[in-house]
Amino acid sequence: MLLEMKKYARYNWIPIILDDSLEFIKDILIKQKPKKILEIGAAIGFSAIMMALVDDEIEITTIERDEKRYLEAVKNIKKFQLEDRINLIYKDAFDVNITDSYDLVFIDAAK
């Protein structure tokens, strides 16, 4: 399924986290053990899924403003049965009122 997601992203010109960066993030997750992560820029859900797979206790809130990418992320998160640990918000991050606290913030959006 992960390979399918990578192919979909490449074919549709959707930027997803690079393998080197993913390994770096996974290393941080293993060493620091954050439980609540905020991701800005879900795209198709690849990085959120990869982070959630590192530890069963990780909960992620991820924000995506592009409807097509958001819908693809919803589909992918369901495929991995991670709906209970990945909360996907369809909105521009500038318009989201964050009230929770997070152990890690991962900005994977247009900078």
PDB file of N, CA and C in Angstrom:
ATOM      1  N   MET A   1       0.820  -1.201   0.000  1.00  0.00           N
ATOM      2  CA  MET A   1       0.000   0.000   0.000  1.00  0.00           C
ATOM      3  C   MET A   1       0.862   1.262   0.000  1.00  0.00           C
ATOM      4  N   LEU A   2       1.982   1.228   0.730  1.00  0.00           N
ATOM      5  CA  LEU A   2       2.845   2.411   0.778  1.00  0.00           C
ATOM      6  C   LEU A   2       3.454   2.697  -0.588  1.00  0.00           C
ATOM      7  N   LEU A   3       3.844   1.654  -1.295  1.00  0.00           N
ATOM      8  CA  LEU A   3       4.408   1.827  -2.625  1.00  0.00           C
ATOM      9  C   LEU A   3       3.365   2.415  -3.574  1.00  0.00           C
ATOM     10  N   GLU A   4       2.116   1.975  -3.433  1.00  0.00           N
ATOM     11  CA  GLU A   4       1.020   2.532  -4.244  1.00  0.00           C
ATOM     12  C   GLU A   4       0.860   4.024  -3.974  1.00  0.00           C
ATOM     13  N   MET A   5       0.960   4.413  -2.710  1.00  0.00           N
ATOM     14  CA  MET A   5       0.834   5.831  -2.358  1.00  0.00           C
ATOM     15  C   MET A   5       1.956   6.644  -2.973  1.00  0.00           C
ATOM     16  N   LYS A   6       3.168   6.115  -2.925  1.00  0.00           N
ATOM     17  CA  LYS A   6       4.315   6.812  -3.508  1.00  0.00           C
ATOM     18  C   LYS A   6       4.135   6.968  -5.021  1.00  0.00           C
ATOM     19  N   LYS A   7       3.682   5.916  -5.671  1.00  0.00           N
ATOM     20  CA  LYS A   7       3.453   5.974  -7.119  1.00  0.00           C
ATOM     21  C   LYS A   7       2.366   6.997  -7.445  1.00  0.00           C
ATOM     22  N   TYR A   8       1.292   6.988  -6.669  1.00  0.00           N
ATOM     23  CA  TYR A   8       0.202   7.944  -6.885  1.00  0.00           C
ATOM     24  C   TYR A   8       0.726   9.377  -6.753  1.00  0.00           C
ATOM     25  N   ALA A   9       1.508   9.612  -5.724  1.00  0.00           N
ATOM     26  CA  ALA A   9       2.062  10.950  -5.489  1.00  0.00           C
ATOM     27  C   ALA A   9       2.958  11.377  -6.650  1.00  0.00           C
ATOM     28  N   ARG A  10       3.814  10.489  -7.072  1.00  0.00           N
ATOM     29  CA  ARG A  10       4.737  10.809  -8.168  1.00  0.00           C
ATOM     30  C   ARG A  10       3.963  11.078  -9.468  1.00  0.00           C
ATOM     31  N   TYR A  11       3.001  10.223  -9.774  1.00  0.00           N
ATOM     32  CA  TYR A  11       2.216  10.353 -11.001  1.00  0.00           C
ATOM     33  C   TYR A  11       1.388  11.641 -11.026  1.00  0.00           C
ATOM     34  N   ASN A  12       0.916  12.066  -9.851  1.00  0.00           N
ATOM     35  CA  ASN A  12       0.048  13.242  -9.752  1.00  0.00           C
ATOM     36  C   ASN A  12       0.787  14.499  -9.281  1.00  0.00           C
ATOM     37  N   TRP A  13       2.106  14.448  -9.261  1.00  0.00           N
ATOM     38  CA  TRP A  13       2.929  15.598  -8.890  1.00  0.00           C
ATOM     39  C   TRP A  13       2.589  16.127  -7.506  1.00  0.00           C
ATOM     40  N   ILE A  14       2.377  15.220  -6.577  1.00  0.00           N
ATOM     41  CA  ILE A  14       2.076  15.593  -5.197  1.00  0.00           C
ATOM     42  C   ILE A  14       3.337  15.380  -4.363  1.00  0.00           C
ATOM     43  N   PRO A  15       3.852  16.438  -3.768  1.00  0.00           N
ATOM     44  CA  PRO A  15       5.069  16.263  -2.962  1.00  0.00           C
ATOM     45  C   PRO A  15       4.772  15.524  -1.662  1.00  0.00           C
ATOM     46  N   ILE A  16       5.527  14.481  -1.433  1.00  0.00           N
ATOM     47  CA  ILE A  16       5.453  13.770  -0.156  1.00  0.00           C
ATOM     48  C   ILE A  16       6.861  13.732   0.426  1.00  0.00           C
ATOM     49  N   ILE A  17       6.954  13.409   1.673  1.00  0.00           N
ATOM     50  CA  ILE A  17       8.232  13.403   2.373  1.00  0.00           C
ATOM     51  C   ILE A  17       9.221  12.464   1.676  1.00  0.00           C
ATOM     52  N   LEU A  18      10.456  12.925   1.553  1.00  0.00           N
ATOM     53  CA  LEU A  18      11.513  12.122   0.944  1.00  0.00           C
ATOM     54  C   LEU A  18      11.979  11.049   1.915  1.00  0.00           C
ATOM     55  N   ASP A  19      12.516   9.965   1.385  1.00  0.00           N
ATOM     56  CA  ASP A  19      12.940   8.843   2.224  1.00  0.00           C
ATOM     57  C   ASP A  19      13.938   9.257   3.300  1.00  0.00           C
ATOM     58  N   ASP A  20      14.929  10.088   2.939  1.00  0.00           N
ATOM     59  CA  ASP A  20      15.929  10.532   3.923  1.00  0.00           C
ATOM     60  C   ASP A  20      15.277  11.323   5.055  1.00  0.00           C
ATOM     61  N   SER A  21      14.374  12.211   4.682  1.00  0.00           N
ATOM     62  CA  SER A  21      13.679  13.014   5.694  1.00  0.00           C
ATOM     63  C   SER A  21      12.792  12.136   6.566  1.00  0.00           C
ATOM     64  N   LEU A  22      12.166  11.163   5.949  1.00  0.00           N
ATOM     65  CA  LEU A  22      11.307  10.248   6.692  1.00  0.00           C
ATOM     66  C   LEU A  22      12.122   9.471   7.726  1.00  0.00           C
ATOM     67  N   GLU A  23      13.285   9.002   7.340  1.00  0.00           N
ATOM     68  CA  GLU A  23      14.140   8.280   8.283  1.00  0.00           C
ATOM     69  C   GLU A  23      14.556   9.181   9.442  1.00  0.00           C
ATOM     70  N   PHE A  24      14.847  10.443   9.138  1.00  0.00           N
ATOM     71  CA  PHE A  24      15.206  11.412  10.174  1.00  0.00           C
ATOM     72  C   PHE A  24      14.048  11.604  11.161  1.00  0.00           C
ATOM     73  N   ILE A  25      12.844  11.790  10.636  1.00  0.00           N
ATOM     74  CA  ILE A  25      11.653  11.977  11.477  1.00  0.00           C
ATOM     75  C   ILE A  25      11.395  10.724  12.315  1.00  0.00           C
ATOM     76  N   LYS A  26      11.484   9.558  11.695  1.00  0.00           N
ATOM     77  CA  LYS A  26      11.269   8.307  12.437  1.00  0.00           C
ATOM     78  C   LYS A  26      12.262   8.178  13.594  1.00  0.00           C
ATOM     79  N   ASP A  27      13.499   8.564  13.347  1.00  0.00           N
ATOM     80  CA  ASP A  27      14.526   8.544  14.384  1.00  0.00           C
ATOM     81  C   ASP A  27      14.131   9.434  15.565  1.00  0.00           C
ATOM     82  N   ILE A  28      13.645  10.618  15.253  1.00  0.00           N
ATOM     83  CA  ILE A  28      13.187  11.545  16.299  1.00  0.00           C
ATOM     84  C   ILE A  28      12.026  10.932  17.081  1.00  0.00           C
ATOM     85  N   LEU A  29      11.088  10.319  16.365  1.00  0.00           N
ATOM     86  CA  LEU A  29       9.930   9.722  17.029  1.00  0.00           C
ATOM     87  C   LEU A  29      10.337   8.586  17.960  1.00  0.00           C
ATOM     88  N   ILE A  30      11.294   7.791  17.522  1.00  0.00           N
ATOM     89  CA  ILE A  30      11.757   6.670  18.339  1.00  0.00           C
ATOM     90  C   ILE A  30      12.495   7.173  19.583  1.00  0.00           C
ATOM     91  N   LYS A  31      13.329   8.183  19.412  1.00  0.00           N
ATOM     92  CA  LYS A  31      14.129   8.692  20.535  1.00  0.00           C
ATOM     93  C   LYS A  31      13.322   9.574  21.487  1.00  0.00           C
ATOM     94  N   GLN A  32      12.503  10.474  20.956  1.00  0.00           N
ATOM     95  CA  GLN A  32      11.791  11.447  21.792  1.00  0.00           C
ATOM     96  C   GLN A  32      10.430  10.948  22.276  1.00  0.00           C
ATOM     97  N   LYS A  33       9.851   9.986  21.579  1.00  0.00           N
ATOM     98  CA  LYS A  33       8.568   9.383  21.932  1.00  0.00           C
ATOM     99  C   LYS A  33       7.416  10.381  22.112  1.00  0.00           C
ATOM    100  N   PRO A  34       7.214  11.271  21.137  1.00  0.00           N
ATOM    101  CA  PRO A  34       6.060  12.171  21.252  1.00  0.00           C
ATOM    102  C   PRO A  34       4.764  11.373  21.110  1.00  0.00           C
ATOM    103  N   LYS A  35       3.760  11.807  21.801  1.00  0.00           N
ATOM    104  CA  LYS A  35       2.464  11.112  21.743  1.00  0.00           C
ATOM    105  C   LYS A  35       1.439  11.878  20.903  1.00  0.00           C
ATOM    106  N   LYS A  36       1.557  13.208  20.904  1.00  0.00           N
ATOM    107  CA  LYS A  36       0.620  14.025  20.126  1.00  0.00           C
ATOM    108  C   LYS A  36       1.398  14.856  19.120  1.00  0.00           C
ATOM    109  N   ILE A  37       1.036  14.681  17.843  1.00  0.00           N
ATOM    110  CA  ILE A  37       1.735  15.366  16.765  1.00  0.00           C
ATOM    111  C   ILE A  37       0.735  16.199  15.966  1.00  0.00           C
ATOM    112  N   LEU A  38       1.156  17.407  15.633  1.00  0.00           N
ATOM    113  CA  LEU A  38       0.396  18.258  14.722  1.00  0.00           C
ATOM    114  C   LEU A  38       1.181  18.332  13.424  1.00  0.00           C
ATOM    115  N   GLU A  39       0.521  17.975  12.331  1.00  0.00           N
ATOM    116  CA  GLU A  39       1.144  18.069  11.013  1.00  0.00           C
ATOM    117  C   GLU A  39       0.380  19.094  10.193  1.00  0.00           C
ATOM    118  N   ILE A  40       1.103  20.024   9.612  1.00  0.00           N
ATOM    119  CA  ILE A  40       0.486  21.028   8.744  1.00  0.00           C
ATOM    120  C   ILE A  40       0.880  20.671   7.317  1.00  0.00           C
ATOM    121  N   GLY A  41      -0.111  20.246   6.551  1.00  0.00           N
ATOM    122  CA  GLY A  41       0.107  19.808   5.175  1.00  0.00           C
ATOM    123  C   GLY A  41       0.022  18.302   5.067  1.00  0.00           C
ATOM    124  N   ALA A  42      -1.163  17.765   5.022  1.00  0.00           N
ATOM    125  CA  ALA A  42      -1.353  16.310   4.986  1.00  0.00           C
ATOM    126  C   ALA A  42      -1.068  15.716   3.613  1.00  0.00           C
ATOM    127  N   ALA A  43      -1.341  16.489   2.553  1.00  0.00           N
ATOM    128  CA  ALA A  43      -1.286  15.962   1.180  1.00  0.00           C
ATOM    129  C   ALA A  43      -2.149  14.705   1.121  1.00  0.00           C
ATOM    130  N   ILE A  44      -1.562  13.558   0.784  1.00  0.00           N
ATOM    131  CA  ILE A  44      -2.350  12.328   0.658  1.00  0.00           C
ATOM    132  C   ILE A  44      -2.257  11.446   1.909  1.00  0.00           C
ATOM    133  N   GLY A  45      -1.708  11.999   2.984  1.00  0.00           N
ATOM    134  CA  GLY A  45      -1.652  11.292   4.263  1.00  0.00           C
ATOM    135  C   GLY A  45      -0.422  10.425   4.470  1.00  0.00           C
ATOM    136  N   PHE A  46       0.507  10.440   3.531  1.00  0.00           N
ATOM    137  CA  PHE A  46       1.662   9.544   3.596  1.00  0.00           C
ATOM    138  C   PHE A  46       2.491   9.735   4.866  1.00  0.00           C
ATOM    139  N   SER A  47       2.925  10.955   5.141  1.00  0.00           N
ATOM    140  CA  SER A  47       3.795  11.166   6.301  1.00  0.00           C
ATOM    141  C   SER A  47       3.048  10.918   7.617  1.00  0.00           C
ATOM    142  N   ALA A  48       1.782  11.283   7.692  1.00  0.00           N
ATOM    143  CA  ALA A  48       1.009  11.025   8.912  1.00  0.00           C
ATOM    144  C   ALA A  48       0.897   9.522   9.154  1.00  0.00           C
ATOM    145  N   ILE A  49       0.644   8.779   8.106  1.00  0.00           N
ATOM    146  CA  ILE A  49       0.560   7.318   8.226  1.00  0.00           C
ATOM    147  C   ILE A  49       1.897   6.748   8.680  1.00  0.00           C
ATOM    148  N   MET A  50       2.966   7.204   8.045  1.00  0.00           N
ATOM    149  CA  MET A  50       4.291   6.700   8.392  1.00  0.00           C
ATOM    150  C   MET A  50       4.641   7.014   9.844  1.00  0.00           C
ATOM    151  N   MET A  51       4.288   8.207  10.314  1.00  0.00           N
ATOM    152  CA  MET A  51       4.559   8.549  11.711  1.00  0.00           C
ATOM    153  C   MET A  51       3.713   7.696  12.651  1.00  0.00           C
ATOM    154  N   ALA A  52       2.452   7.496  12.315  1.00  0.00           N
ATOM    155  CA  ALA A  52       1.564   6.700  13.169  1.00  0.00           C
ATOM    156  C   ALA A  52       2.029   5.253  13.266  1.00  0.00           C
ATOM    157  N   LEU A  53       2.648   4.747  12.215  1.00  0.00           N
ATOM    158  CA  LEU A  53       3.112   3.359  12.218  1.00  0.00           C
ATOM    159  C   LEU A  53       4.348   3.144  13.090  1.00  0.00           C
ATOM    160  N   VAL A  54       5.008   4.214  13.497  1.00  0.00           N
ATOM    161  CA  VAL A  54       6.203   4.096  14.343  1.00  0.00           C
ATOM    162  C   VAL A  54       5.834   3.619  15.743  1.00  0.00           C
ATOM    163  N   ASP A  55       4.697   4.085  16.262  1.00  0.00           N
ATOM    164  CA  ASP A  55       4.314   3.777  17.647  1.00  0.00           C
ATOM    165  C   ASP A  55       2.792   3.798  17.740  1.00  0.00           C
ATOM    166  N   ASP A  56       2.219   2.759  18.301  1.00  0.00           N
ATOM    167  CA  ASP A  56       0.758   2.645  18.420  1.00  0.00           C
ATOM    168  C   ASP A  56       0.136   3.703  19.321  1.00  0.00           C
ATOM    169  N   GLU A  57       0.947   4.407  20.096  1.00  0.00           N
ATOM    170  CA  GLU A  57       0.415   5.426  21.005  1.00  0.00           C
ATOM    171  C   GLU A  57       0.410   6.823  20.397  1.00  0.00           C
ATOM    172  N   ILE A  58       0.987   6.976  19.218  1.00  0.00           N
ATOM    173  CA  ILE A  58       1.033   8.291  18.579  1.00  0.00           C
ATOM    174  C   ILE A  58      -0.345   8.658  18.038  1.00  0.00           C
ATOM    175  N   GLU A  59      -0.775   9.882  18.352  1.00  0.00           N
ATOM    176  CA  GLU A  59      -2.004  10.460  17.798  1.00  0.00           C
ATOM    177  C   GLU A  59      -1.609  11.684  16.986  1.00  0.00           C
ATOM    178  N   ILE A  60      -2.184  11.810  15.809  1.00  0.00           N
ATOM    179  CA  ILE A  60      -1.802  12.886  14.900  1.00  0.00           C
ATOM    180  C   ILE A  60      -3.027  13.677  14.480  1.00  0.00           C
ATOM    181  N   THR A  61      -2.882  14.989  14.513  1.00  0.00           N
ATOM    182  CA  THR A  61      -3.845  15.887  13.889  1.00  0.00           C
ATOM    183  C   THR A  61      -3.128  16.465  12.687  1.00  0.00           C
ATOM    184  N   THR A  62      -3.722  16.317  11.515  1.00  0.00           N
ATOM    185  CA  THR A  62      -3.094  16.808  10.299  1.00  0.00           C
ATOM    186  C   THR A  62      -4.083  17.650   9.514  1.00  0.00           C
ATOM    187  N   ILE A  63      -3.581  18.694   8.898  1.00  0.00           N
ATOM    188  CA  ILE A  63      -4.428  19.689   8.232  1.00  0.00           C
ATOM    189  C   ILE A  63      -4.106  19.726   6.748  1.00  0.00           C
ATOM    190  N   GLU A  64      -5.146  19.713   5.918  1.00  0.00           N
ATOM    191  CA  GLU A  64      -4.962  19.808   4.465  1.00  0.00           C
ATOM    192  C   GLU A  64      -6.015  20.737   3.880  1.00  0.00           C
ATOM    193  N   ARG A  65      -5.588  21.650   3.022  1.00  0.00           N
ATOM    194  CA  ARG A  65      -6.524  22.625   2.451  1.00  0.00           C
ATOM    195  C   ARG A  65      -6.994  22.258   1.050  1.00  0.00           C
ATOM    196  N   ASP A  66      -6.307  21.350   0.371  1.00  0.00           N
ATOM    197  CA  ASP A  66      -6.681  20.955  -0.989  1.00  0.00           C
ATOM    198  C   ASP A  66      -7.687  19.804  -0.917  1.00  0.00           C
ATOM    199  N   GLU A  67      -8.873  20.006  -1.492  1.00  0.00           N
ATOM    200  CA  GLU A  67      -9.945  19.017  -1.356  1.00  0.00           C
ATOM    201  C   GLU A  67      -9.583  17.657  -1.947  1.00  0.00           C
ATOM    202  N   LYS A  68      -8.995  17.649  -3.127  1.00  0.00           N
ATOM    203  CA  LYS A  68      -8.645  16.374  -3.765  1.00  0.00           C
ATOM    204  C   LYS A  68      -7.627  15.604  -2.923  1.00  0.00           C
ATOM    205  N   ARG A  69      -6.623  16.301  -2.418  1.00  0.00           N
ATOM    206  CA  ARG A  69      -5.615  15.652  -1.581  1.00  0.00           C
ATOM    207  C   ARG A  69      -6.219  15.194  -0.259  1.00  0.00           C
ATOM    208  N   TYR A  70      -7.079  16.030   0.314  1.00  0.00           N
ATOM    209  CA  TYR A  70      -7.760  15.675   1.557  1.00  0.00           C
ATOM    210  C   TYR A  70      -8.548  14.369   1.393  1.00  0.00           C
ATOM    211  N   LEU A  71      -9.314  14.268   0.318  1.00  0.00           N
ATOM    212  CA  LEU A  71     -10.120  13.069   0.083  1.00  0.00           C
ATOM    213  C   LEU A  71      -9.244  11.839  -0.127  1.00  0.00           C
ATOM    214  N   GLU A  72      -8.124  12.019  -0.803  1.00  0.00           N
ATOM    215  CA  GLU A  72      -7.184  10.911  -0.993  1.00  0.00           C
ATOM    216  C   GLU A  72      -6.570  10.502   0.351  1.00  0.00           C
ATOM    217  N   ALA A  73      -6.265  11.491   1.192  1.00  0.00           N
ATOM    218  CA  ALA A  73      -5.723  11.199   2.528  1.00  0.00           C
ATOM    219  C   ALA A  73      -6.739  10.423   3.367  1.00  0.00           C
ATOM    220  N   VAL A  74      -7.996  10.829   3.323  1.00  0.00           N
ATOM    221  CA  VAL A  74      -9.051  10.120   4.058  1.00  0.00           C
ATOM    222  C   VAL A  74      -9.067   8.656   3.628  1.00  0.00           C
ATOM    223  N   LYS A  75      -9.040   8.428   2.329  1.00  0.00           N
ATOM    224  CA  LYS A  75      -9.064   7.071   1.786  1.00  0.00           C
ATOM    225  C   LYS A  75      -7.845   6.269   2.263  1.00  0.00           C
ATOM    226  N   ASN A  76      -6.671   6.885   2.209  1.00  0.00           N
ATOM    227  CA  ASN A  76      -5.446   6.173   2.600  1.00  0.00           C
ATOM    228  C   ASN A  76      -5.410   5.872   4.096  1.00  0.00           C
ATOM    229  N   ILE A  77      -5.843   6.812   4.895  1.00  0.00           N
ATOM    230  CA  ILE A  77      -5.869   6.602   6.350  1.00  0.00           C
ATOM    231  C   ILE A  77      -6.814   5.460   6.697  1.00  0.00           C
ATOM    232  N   LYS A  78      -7.936   5.374   6.001  1.00  0.00           N
ATOM    233  CA  LYS A  78      -8.877   4.266   6.222  1.00  0.00           C
ATOM    234  C   LYS A  78      -8.273   2.937   5.805  1.00  0.00           C
ATOM    235  N   LYS A  79      -7.529   2.923   4.705  1.00  0.00           N
ATOM    236  CA  LYS A  79      -6.883   1.685   4.252  1.00  0.00           C
ATOM    237  C   LYS A  79      -5.969   1.114   5.327  1.00  0.00           C
ATOM    238  N   PHE A  80      -5.303   1.994   6.061  1.00  0.00           N
ATOM    239  CA  PHE A  80      -4.396   1.560   7.113  1.00  0.00           C
ATOM    240  C   PHE A  80      -5.101   1.435   8.456  1.00  0.00           C
ATOM    241  N   GLN A  81      -6.393   1.663   8.488  1.00  0.00           N
ATOM    242  CA  GLN A  81      -7.215   1.578   9.698  1.00  0.00           C
ATOM    243  C   GLN A  81      -6.651   2.446  10.820  1.00  0.00           C
ATOM    244  N   LEU A  82      -6.313   3.687  10.463  1.00  0.00           N
ATOM    245  CA  LEU A  82      -5.733   4.614  11.424  1.00  0.00           C
ATOM    246  C   LEU A  82      -6.663   5.799  11.738  1.00  0.00           C
ATOM    247  N   GLU A  83      -7.927   5.676  11.381  1.00  0.00           N
ATOM    248  CA  GLU A  83      -8.874   6.777  11.617  1.00  0.00           C
ATOM    249  C   GLU A  83      -8.990   7.135  13.098  1.00  0.00           C
ATOM    250  N   ASP A  84      -8.745   6.188  13.974  1.00  0.00           N
ATOM    251  CA  ASP A  84      -8.859   6.460  15.412  1.00  0.00           C
ATOM    252  C   ASP A  84      -7.630   7.189  15.966  1.00  0.00           C
ATOM    253  N   ARG A  85      -6.532   7.242  15.174  1.00  0.00           N
ATOM    254  CA  ARG A  85      -5.319   7.909  15.661  1.00  0.00           C
ATOM    255  C   ARG A  85      -4.868   9.078  14.787  1.00  0.00           C
ATOM    256  N   ILE A  86      -5.448   9.200  13.604  1.00  0.00           N
ATOM    257  CA  ILE A  86      -5.120  10.339  12.738  1.00  0.00           C
ATOM    258  C   ILE A  86      -6.390  11.143  12.494  1.00  0.00           C
ATOM    259  N   ASN A  87      -6.397  12.359  13.009  1.00  0.00           N
ATOM    260  CA  ASN A  87      -7.517  13.282  12.839  1.00  0.00           C
ATOM    261  C   ASN A  87      -7.166  14.216  11.686  1.00  0.00           C
ATOM    262  N   LEU A  88      -7.905  14.115  10.603  1.00  0.00           N
ATOM    263  CA  LEU A  88      -7.643  14.898   9.402  1.00  0.00           C
ATOM    264  C   LEU A  88      -8.617  16.067   9.320  1.00  0.00           C
ATOM    265  N   ILE A  89      -8.074  17.265   9.191  1.00  0.00           N
ATOM    266  CA  ILE A  89      -8.888  18.482   9.123  1.00  0.00           C
ATOM    267  C   ILE A  89      -8.784  19.071   7.724  1.00  0.00           C
ATOM    268  N   TYR A  90      -9.954  19.317   7.109  1.00  0.00           N
ATOM    269  CA  TYR A  90     -10.002  19.923   5.783  1.00  0.00           C
ATOM    270  C   TYR A  90     -10.206  21.430   5.934  1.00  0.00           C
ATOM    271  N   LYS A  91      -9.086  22.156   5.884  1.00  0.00           N
ATOM    272  CA  LYS A  91      -9.130  23.599   6.080  1.00  0.00           C
ATOM    273  C   LYS A  91      -7.742  24.159   5.810  1.00  0.00           C
ATOM    274  N   ASP A  92      -7.659  25.430   5.540  1.00  0.00           N
ATOM    275  CA  ASP A  92      -6.360  26.089   5.464  1.00  0.00           C
ATOM    276  C   ASP A  92      -5.831  26.218   6.886  1.00  0.00           C
ATOM    277  N   ALA A  93      -4.574  25.877   7.089  1.00  0.00           N
ATOM    278  CA  ALA A  93      -3.993  25.904   8.445  1.00  0.00           C
ATOM    279  C   ALA A  93      -4.102  27.278   9.094  1.00  0.00           C
ATOM    280  N   PHE A  94      -4.087  28.344   8.275  1.00  0.00           N
ATOM    281  CA  PHE A  94      -4.236  29.695   8.827  1.00  0.00           C
ATOM    282  C   PHE A  94      -5.598  29.901   9.481  1.00  0.00           C
ATOM    283  N   ASP A  95      -6.576  29.101   9.080  1.00  0.00           N
ATOM    284  CA  ASP A  95      -7.936  29.253   9.591  1.00  0.00           C
ATOM    285  C   ASP A  95      -8.299  28.271  10.700  1.00  0.00           C
ATOM    286  N   VAL A  96      -7.352  27.446  11.103  1.00  0.00           N
ATOM    287  CA  VAL A  96      -7.609  26.457  12.146  1.00  0.00           C
ATOM    288  C   VAL A  96      -7.220  27.046  13.503  1.00  0.00           C
ATOM    289  N   ASN A  97      -8.140  26.954  14.439  1.00  0.00           N
ATOM    290  CA  ASN A  97      -7.881  27.429  15.801  1.00  0.00           C
ATOM    291  C   ASN A  97      -7.369  26.246  16.619  1.00  0.00           C
ATOM    292  N   ILE A  98      -6.082  26.222  16.868  1.00  0.00           N
ATOM    293  CA  ILE A  98      -5.454  25.133  17.616  1.00  0.00           C
ATOM    294  C   ILE A  98      -5.601  25.411  19.109  1.00  0.00           C
ATOM    295  N   THR A  99      -6.256  24.495  19.809  1.00  0.00           N
ATOM    296  CA  THR A  99      -6.438  24.662  21.251  1.00  0.00           C
ATOM    297  C   THR A  99      -5.693  23.587  22.045  1.00  0.00           C
ATOM    298  N   ASP A 100      -5.378  22.477  21.386  1.00  0.00           N
ATOM    299  CA  ASP A 100      -4.639  21.412  22.054  1.00  0.00           C
ATOM    300  C   ASP A 100      -3.158  21.754  22.129  1.00  0.00           C
ATOM    301  N   SER A 101      -2.448  21.015  22.941  1.00  0.00           N
ATOM    302  CA  SER A 101      -0.984  21.134  22.965  1.00  0.00           C
ATOM    303  C   SER A 101      -0.424  19.880  22.296  1.00  0.00           C
ATOM    304  N   TYR A 102       0.745  20.030  21.691  1.00  0.00           N
ATOM    305  CA  TYR A 102       1.362  18.942  20.943  1.00  0.00           C
ATOM    306  C   TYR A 102       2.812  18.775  21.363  1.00  0.00           C
ATOM    307  N   ASP A 103       3.286  17.547  21.275  1.00  0.00           N
ATOM    308  CA  ASP A 103       4.670  17.238  21.593  1.00  0.00           C
ATOM    309  C   ASP A 103       5.590  17.529  20.413  1.00  0.00           C
ATOM    310  N   LEU A 104       5.026  17.516  19.197  1.00  0.00           N
ATOM    311  CA  LEU A 104       5.805  17.721  17.988  1.00  0.00           C
ATOM    312  C   LEU A 104       4.927  18.388  16.937  1.00  0.00           C
ATOM    313  N   VAL A 105       5.478  19.381  16.262  1.00  0.00           N
ATOM    314  CA  VAL A 105       4.779  20.018  15.146  1.00  0.00           C
ATOM    315  C   VAL A 105       5.626  19.777  13.912  1.00  0.00           C
ATOM    316  N   PHE A 106       5.010  19.206  12.893  1.00  0.00           N
ATOM    317  CA  PHE A 106       5.701  18.890  11.639  1.00  0.00           C
ATOM    318  C   PHE A 106       5.050  19.721  10.535  1.00  0.00           C
ATOM    319  N   ILE A 107       5.807  20.668   9.985  1.00  0.00           N
ATOM    320  CA  ILE A 107       5.279  21.521   8.917  1.00  0.00           C
ATOM    321  C   ILE A 107       5.736  20.934   7.582  1.00  0.00           C
ATOM    322  N   ASP A 108       4.768  20.407   6.870  1.00  0.00           N
ATOM    323  CA  ASP A 108       5.032  19.756   5.591  1.00  0.00           C
ATOM    324  C   ASP A 108       4.141  20.393   4.527  1.00  0.00           C
ATOM    325  N   ALA A 109       4.051  21.710   4.577  1.00  0.00           N
ATOM    326  CA  ALA A 109       3.186  22.456   3.669  1.00  0.00           C
ATOM    327  C   ALA A 109       4.013  23.498   2.935  1.00  0.00           C
ATOM    328  N   ALA A 110       3.372  24.223   2.044  1.00  0.00           N
ATOM    329  CA  ALA A 110       4.046  25.316   1.370  1.00  0.00           C
ATOM    330  C   ALA A 110       4.575  26.274   2.435  1.00  0.00           C
ATOM    331  N   LYS A 111       5.823  26.579   2.327  1.00  0.00           N
ATOM    332  CA  LYS A 111       6.444  27.400   3.364  1.00  0.00           C
ATOM    333  C   LYS A 111       6.551  28.850   2.928  1.00  0.00           C
TER     334      LYS A 111
END
